[in-house]
Amino acid sequence: MAHAIIDHLRMIGGDARLAPALRECAQALVDDWQGDAMLSGDASPSSPRSYY
């Protein structure tokens, strides 16, 4: 689940249509979620995954 959240935060952080404050917040949260994934023993992927 953490990986899905990380992927979505990356998408939000990279979407130029969204407000800068929202993109910055999403980008800042990626590191927190990656840390949580690592602490839970689920290493974070090096690049966003595709679910399609």
N, C-alpha and C. Protein backbone atom coordinates (compact mmCIF):
# COMPACT_ATOMS: atom_id res chain seq x y z
N MET A 1 0.82 -1.18 0.00
CA MET A 1 0.00 0.00 0.00
C MET A 1 0.87 1.26 0.00
N ALA A 2 1.96 1.23 0.74
CA ALA A 2 2.84 2.40 0.78
C ALA A 2 3.35 2.76 -0.61
N HIS A 3 3.64 1.76 -1.41
CA HIS A 3 4.15 2.03 -2.75
C HIS A 3 3.10 2.73 -3.62
N ALA A 4 1.85 2.34 -3.46
CA ALA A 4 0.78 2.99 -4.22
C ALA A 4 0.65 4.45 -3.80
N ILE A 5 0.76 4.70 -2.51
CA ILE A 5 0.68 6.08 -2.02
C ILE A 5 1.85 6.90 -2.54
N ILE A 6 3.05 6.32 -2.51
CA ILE A 6 4.24 7.00 -3.01
C ILE A 6 4.06 7.34 -4.49
N ASP A 7 3.59 6.39 -5.26
CA ASP A 7 3.37 6.63 -6.70
C ASP A 7 2.38 7.76 -6.93
N HIS A 8 1.30 7.77 -6.16
CA HIS A 8 0.30 8.82 -6.32
C HIS A 8 0.85 10.18 -5.90
N LEU A 9 1.60 10.22 -4.82
CA LEU A 9 2.21 11.48 -4.40
C LEU A 9 3.17 12.01 -5.47
N ARG A 10 3.90 11.10 -6.10
CA ARG A 10 4.79 11.52 -7.19
C ARG A 10 4.01 12.09 -8.37
N MET A 11 2.88 11.47 -8.68
CA MET A 11 2.05 11.98 -9.78
C MET A 11 1.52 13.37 -9.45
N ILE A 12 1.05 13.55 -8.22
CA ILE A 12 0.55 14.87 -7.80
C ILE A 12 1.68 15.88 -7.81
N GLY A 13 2.84 15.50 -7.31
CA GLY A 13 3.98 16.41 -7.26
C GLY A 13 4.48 16.83 -8.63
N GLY A 14 4.22 16.03 -9.63
CA GLY A 14 4.70 16.34 -10.97
C GLY A 14 3.64 16.90 -11.90
N ASP A 15 2.44 17.13 -11.40
CA ASP A 15 1.34 17.60 -12.26
C ASP A 15 1.30 19.13 -12.25
N ALA A 16 1.76 19.74 -13.34
CA ALA A 16 1.85 21.19 -13.45
C ALA A 16 0.49 21.88 -13.42
N ARG A 17 -0.58 21.13 -13.60
CA ARG A 17 -1.93 21.73 -13.56
C ARG A 17 -2.38 22.05 -12.15
N LEU A 18 -1.73 21.44 -11.16
CA LEU A 18 -2.12 21.62 -9.77
C LEU A 18 -1.39 22.81 -9.14
N ALA A 19 -1.95 23.32 -8.06
CA ALA A 19 -1.36 24.46 -7.36
C ALA A 19 0.04 24.11 -6.86
N PRO A 20 0.97 25.06 -6.94
CA PRO A 20 2.34 24.80 -6.48
C PRO A 20 2.40 24.31 -5.03
N ALA A 21 1.59 24.85 -4.15
CA ALA A 21 1.62 24.43 -2.75
C ALA A 21 1.24 22.95 -2.60
N LEU A 22 0.27 22.52 -3.38
CA LEU A 22 -0.14 21.11 -3.34
C LEU A 22 0.96 20.21 -3.87
N ARG A 23 1.59 20.61 -4.97
CA ARG A 23 2.68 19.81 -5.54
C ARG A 23 3.85 19.73 -4.56
N GLU A 24 4.20 20.83 -3.92
CA GLU A 24 5.31 20.84 -2.96
C GLU A 24 5.01 19.95 -1.77
N CYS A 25 3.78 19.99 -1.29
CA CYS A 25 3.38 19.15 -0.16
C CYS A 25 3.49 17.68 -0.53
N ALA A 26 3.00 17.32 -1.71
CA ALA A 26 3.06 15.93 -2.16
C ALA A 26 4.51 15.47 -2.29
N GLN A 27 5.36 16.32 -2.85
CA GLN A 27 6.77 15.95 -3.01
C GLN A 27 7.44 15.76 -1.65
N ALA A 28 7.09 16.60 -0.69
CA ALA A 28 7.67 16.48 0.64
C ALA A 28 7.22 15.19 1.34
N LEU A 29 6.01 14.75 1.08
CA LEU A 29 5.50 13.54 1.72
C LEU A 29 6.09 12.25 1.15
N VAL A 30 6.63 12.30 -0.06
CA VAL A 30 7.22 11.10 -0.66
C VAL A 30 8.32 10.54 0.24
N ASP A 31 9.21 11.40 0.73
CA ASP A 31 10.30 10.93 1.59
C ASP A 31 9.77 10.28 2.86
N ASP A 32 8.73 10.87 3.45
CA ASP A 32 8.15 10.28 4.67
C ASP A 32 7.61 8.88 4.40
N TRP A 33 6.88 8.73 3.30
CA TRP A 33 6.30 7.43 2.97
C TRP A 33 7.37 6.42 2.59
N GLN A 34 8.43 6.86 1.93
CA GLN A 34 9.52 5.93 1.61
C GLN A 34 10.18 5.45 2.89
N GLY A 35 10.36 6.33 3.84
CA GLY A 35 10.93 5.94 5.13
C GLY A 35 10.05 4.94 5.85
N ASP A 36 8.75 5.17 5.82
CA ASP A 36 7.82 4.22 6.45
C ASP A 36 7.89 2.86 5.78
N ALA A 37 7.97 2.85 4.46
CA ALA A 37 8.05 1.59 3.72
C ALA A 37 9.33 0.84 4.09
N MET A 38 10.42 1.57 4.20
CA MET A 38 11.70 0.93 4.55
C MET A 38 11.66 0.39 5.98
N LEU A 39 11.08 1.15 6.91
CA LEU A 39 10.99 0.69 8.30
C LEU A 39 10.12 -0.55 8.45
N SER A 40 9.15 -0.69 7.56
CA SER A 40 8.27 -1.85 7.63
C SER A 40 8.88 -3.07 6.93
N GLY A 41 10.11 -2.90 6.38
CA GLY A 41 10.77 -4.02 5.71
C GLY A 41 10.41 -4.14 4.26
N ASP A 42 9.72 -3.17 3.73
CA ASP A 42 9.29 -3.19 2.33
C ASP A 42 10.06 -2.10 1.59
N ALA A 43 11.23 -2.42 1.07
CA ALA A 43 12.08 -1.44 0.42
C ALA A 43 11.35 -0.74 -0.71
N SER A 44 11.56 0.56 -0.82
CA SER A 44 10.90 1.37 -1.83
C SER A 44 11.51 1.13 -3.20
N PRO A 45 10.67 1.06 -4.24
CA PRO A 45 11.21 0.91 -5.58
C PRO A 45 11.99 2.16 -5.99
N SER A 46 12.97 1.99 -6.84
CA SER A 46 13.80 3.13 -7.26
C SER A 46 13.07 4.05 -8.23
N SER A 47 12.06 3.55 -8.92
CA SER A 47 11.31 4.38 -9.84
C SER A 47 9.83 4.05 -9.69
N PRO A 48 8.98 4.99 -10.09
CA PRO A 48 7.53 4.73 -9.97
C PRO A 48 7.13 3.49 -10.73
N ARG A 49 6.20 2.76 -10.16
CA ARG A 49 5.71 1.54 -10.81
C ARG A 49 4.51 1.87 -11.65
N SER A 50 4.31 1.07 -12.66
CA SER A 50 3.13 1.20 -13.50
C SER A 50 2.16 0.09 -13.13
N TYR A 51 0.91 0.44 -12.96
CA TYR A 51 -0.10 -0.54 -12.59
C TYR A 51 -0.94 -0.94 -13.78
N TYR A 52 -0.54 -0.54 -14.97
CA TYR A 52 -1.32 -0.83 -16.18
C TYR A 52 -0.60 -1.76 -17.11
